[in-house]
Amino acid sequence: MTIIFQVRRKVLTEETVNVAEAKKHFSELLGQVAFGKKHILITKRGQPMARLVPADDINMHLSQARGWLENDDPFFDEIDRIIQNRTKHVPRVLKGTSTE
C-alpha cells in the first residue's frame, strides 16, 4: 500500500512493510528513507508499530496533517470534560497492596 503526503509542496510516499521484511531488508529501507526521502511504515500482524522517516523531516508539524482541528472544535470541549472527570476520580487501592 502506498499513501501520499503533501508536505511543504513536496510529495512523500509511504510504503508499508511487515516486521519480518523490515528485518531482512533493513539497510535497504534505511537507504530509501535517507536518500529517497520515503517514509516506511512497519507493521506487525497488520497493526502499525513504527515509522522510518528521514532525519530532516523532524520539523513536520501536526498542523500540516489533513483534517486538522481548530481550537474551537467541539471535540476539544469533550476532551476537557473527560479530563475534568478524571481529575475528580480517586483510584481504589487493591487489597494486599500498599501505596507507600
C-alpha atoms as a PDB file:
ATOM      1  CA  MET A   1       0.000   0.000   0.000  1.00  0.00           C
ATOM      2  CA  THR A   2       1.265   3.480  -0.780  1.00  0.00           C
ATOM      3  CA  ILE A   3      -0.001   6.593   0.966  1.00  0.00           C
ATOM      4  CA  ILE A   4       0.864  10.017  -0.387  1.00  0.00           C
ATOM      5  CA  PHE A   5       1.515  13.013   1.848  1.00  0.00           C
ATOM      6  CA  GLN A   6       1.963  16.556   0.654  1.00  0.00           C
ATOM      7  CA  VAL A   7       4.357  18.390   2.930  1.00  0.00           C
ATOM      8  CA  ARG A   8       5.619  21.873   2.161  1.00  0.00           C
ATOM      9  CA  ARG A   9       4.951  21.482  -1.548  1.00  0.00           C
ATOM     10  CA  LYS A  10       6.779  18.172  -1.858  1.00  0.00           C
ATOM     11  CA  VAL A  11       5.113  14.810  -2.130  1.00  0.00           C
ATOM     12  CA  LEU A  12       6.275  11.966   0.106  1.00  0.00           C
ATOM     13  CA  THR A  13       5.247   8.373  -0.350  1.00  0.00           C
ATOM     14  CA  GLU A  14       4.796   5.931   2.483  1.00  0.00           C
ATOM     15  CA  GLU A  15       5.429   2.254   1.944  1.00  0.00           C
ATOM     16  CA  THR A  16       4.083  -0.362   4.330  1.00  0.00           C
ATOM     17  CA  VAL A  17       6.379  -3.252   5.284  1.00  0.00           C
ATOM     18  CA  ASN A  18       5.829  -6.005   7.851  1.00  0.00           C
ATOM     19  CA  VAL A  19       8.369  -6.618  10.626  1.00  0.00           C
ATOM     20  CA  ALA A  20       9.884  -9.727   9.008  1.00  0.00           C
ATOM     21  CA  GLU A  21      10.525  -7.894   5.723  1.00  0.00           C
ATOM     22  CA  ALA A  22      11.889  -4.880   7.600  1.00  0.00           C
ATOM     23  CA  LYS A  23      14.384  -7.133   9.416  1.00  0.00           C
ATOM     24  CA  LYS A  24      15.506  -8.765   6.176  1.00  0.00           C
ATOM     25  CA  HIS A  25      15.901  -5.523   4.247  1.00  0.00           C
ATOM     26  CA  PHE A  26      16.688  -3.007   6.991  1.00  0.00           C
ATOM     27  CA  SER A  27      19.772  -1.499   5.307  1.00  0.00           C
ATOM     28  CA  GLU A  28      17.903  -1.127   2.032  1.00  0.00           C
ATOM     29  CA  LEU A  29      14.949   0.513   3.787  1.00  0.00           C
ATOM     30  CA  LEU A  30      17.275   2.941   5.586  1.00  0.00           C
ATOM     31  CA  GLY A  31      18.779   3.917   2.239  1.00  0.00           C
ATOM     32  CA  GLN A  32      15.339   4.502   0.737  1.00  0.00           C
ATOM     33  CA  VAL A  33      14.381   6.671   3.689  1.00  0.00           C
ATOM     34  CA  ALA A  34      17.638   8.626   3.930  1.00  0.00           C
ATOM     35  CA  PHE A  35      18.277   9.222   0.242  1.00  0.00           C
ATOM     36  CA  GLY A  36      14.894   8.705  -1.379  1.00  0.00           C
ATOM     37  CA  LYS A  37      13.027  10.768   1.210  1.00  0.00           C
ATOM     38  CA  LYS A  38      10.457   7.993   1.654  1.00  0.00           C
ATOM     39  CA  HIS A  39       8.510   7.112   4.762  1.00  0.00           C
ATOM     40  CA  ILE A  40       8.320   3.425   5.719  1.00  0.00           C
ATOM     41  CA  LEU A  41       5.528   2.190   7.981  1.00  0.00           C
ATOM     42  CA  ILE A  42       6.455  -1.042   9.784  1.00  0.00           C
ATOM     43  CA  THR A  43       3.530  -3.247  10.758  1.00  0.00           C
ATOM     44  CA  LYS A  44       3.096  -6.381  12.832  1.00  0.00           C
ATOM     45  CA  ARG A  45       0.068  -8.503  12.001  1.00  0.00           C
ATOM     46  CA  GLY A  46      -1.345  -5.561  10.089  1.00  0.00           C
ATOM     47  CA  GLN A  47      -1.051  -3.122  13.003  1.00  0.00           C
ATOM     48  CA  PRO A  48       1.293  -0.104  12.712  1.00  0.00           C
ATOM     49  CA  MET A  49       4.304  -0.487  15.024  1.00  0.00           C
ATOM     50  CA  ALA A  50       6.878   2.086  13.871  1.00  0.00           C
ATOM     51  CA  ARG A  51       7.686   4.520  11.095  1.00  0.00           C
ATOM     52  CA  LEU A  52      11.049   5.229   9.465  1.00  0.00           C
ATOM     53  CA  VAL A  53      11.305   8.844   8.323  1.00  0.00           C
ATOM     54  CA  PRO A  54      14.216  10.951   7.048  1.00  0.00           C
ATOM     55  CA  ALA A  55      16.127  12.708   9.824  1.00  0.00           C
ATOM     56  CA  ASP A  56      15.449  16.127   8.278  1.00  0.00           C
ATOM     57  CA  ASP A  57      11.671  15.546   8.467  1.00  0.00           C
ATOM     58  CA  ILE A  58      11.747  16.141  12.207  1.00  0.00           C
ATOM     59  CA  ASN A  59      10.262  19.604  11.670  1.00  0.00           C
ATOM     60  CA  MET A  60       6.945  18.259  10.352  1.00  0.00           C
ATOM     61  CA  HIS A  61       4.048  19.579  12.401  1.00  0.00           C
ATOM     62  CA  LEU A  62       0.667  18.058  13.160  1.00  0.00           C
ATOM     63  CA  SER A  63      -0.909  21.231  11.828  1.00  0.00           C
ATOM     64  CA  GLN A  64       0.167  20.089   8.358  1.00  0.00           C
ATOM     65  CA  ALA A  65      -1.991  16.980   8.612  1.00  0.00           C
ATOM     66  CA  ARG A  66      -5.227  16.910   6.668  1.00  0.00           C
ATOM     67  CA  GLY A  67      -8.291  17.331   8.817  1.00  0.00           C
ATOM     68  CA  TRP A  68      -6.513  19.333  11.496  1.00  0.00           C
ATOM     69  CA  LEU A  69      -8.976  20.529  14.129  1.00  0.00           C
ATOM     70  CA  GLU A  70      -9.294  24.168  15.076  1.00  0.00           C
ATOM     71  CA  ASN A  71      -9.092  25.143  18.758  1.00  0.00           C
ATOM     72  CA  ASP A  72     -12.822  25.915  18.897  1.00  0.00           C
ATOM     73  CA  ASP A  73     -13.830  22.453  17.646  1.00  0.00           C
ATOM     74  CA  PRO A  74     -16.448  20.750  19.904  1.00  0.00           C
ATOM     75  CA  PHE A  75     -14.131  17.738  20.091  1.00  0.00           C
ATOM     76  CA  PHE A  76     -11.869  19.665  22.466  1.00  0.00           C
ATOM     77  CA  ASP A  77     -14.809  20.519  24.747  1.00  0.00           C
ATOM     78  CA  GLU A  78     -15.477  16.799  25.105  1.00  0.00           C
ATOM     79  CA  ILE A  79     -11.791  16.106  25.830  1.00  0.00           C
ATOM     80  CA  ASP A  80     -11.784  18.843  28.502  1.00  0.00           C
ATOM     81  CA  ARG A  81     -14.891  17.297  30.093  1.00  0.00           C
ATOM     82  CA  ILE A  82     -13.227  13.866  30.199  1.00  0.00           C
ATOM     83  CA  ILE A  83     -10.082  15.320  31.767  1.00  0.00           C
ATOM     84  CA  GLN A  84     -12.133  17.132  34.424  1.00  0.00           C
ATOM     85  CA  ASN A  85     -13.943  13.905  35.299  1.00  0.00           C
ATOM     86  CA  ARG A  86     -10.653  12.020  35.567  1.00  0.00           C
ATOM     87  CA  THR A  87      -9.166  14.566  37.980  1.00  0.00           C
ATOM     88  CA  LYS A  88     -12.150  14.042  40.298  1.00  0.00           C
ATOM     89  CA  HIS A  89     -11.656  10.270  40.273  1.00  0.00           C
ATOM     90  CA  VAL A  90      -9.939   8.716  43.290  1.00  0.00           C
ATOM     91  CA  PRO A  91      -8.282   5.417  42.350  1.00  0.00           C
ATOM     92  CA  ARG A  92      -9.048   2.486  44.591  1.00  0.00           C
ATOM     93  CA  VAL A  93      -6.293   0.514  46.260  1.00  0.00           C
ATOM     94  CA  LEU A  94      -6.353  -3.231  45.780  1.00  0.00           C
ATOM     95  CA  LYS A  95      -6.276  -5.372  48.886  1.00  0.00           C
ATOM     96  CA  GLY A  96      -2.798  -6.519  49.768  1.00  0.00           C
ATOM     97  CA  THR A  97      -1.060  -3.610  48.044  1.00  0.00           C
ATOM     98  CA  SER A  98       0.480  -0.571  49.602  1.00  0.00           C
ATOM     99  CA  THR A  99       0.583   2.954  48.213  1.00  0.00           C
ATOM    100  CA  GLU A 100       3.757   3.766  50.132  1.00  0.00           C
END
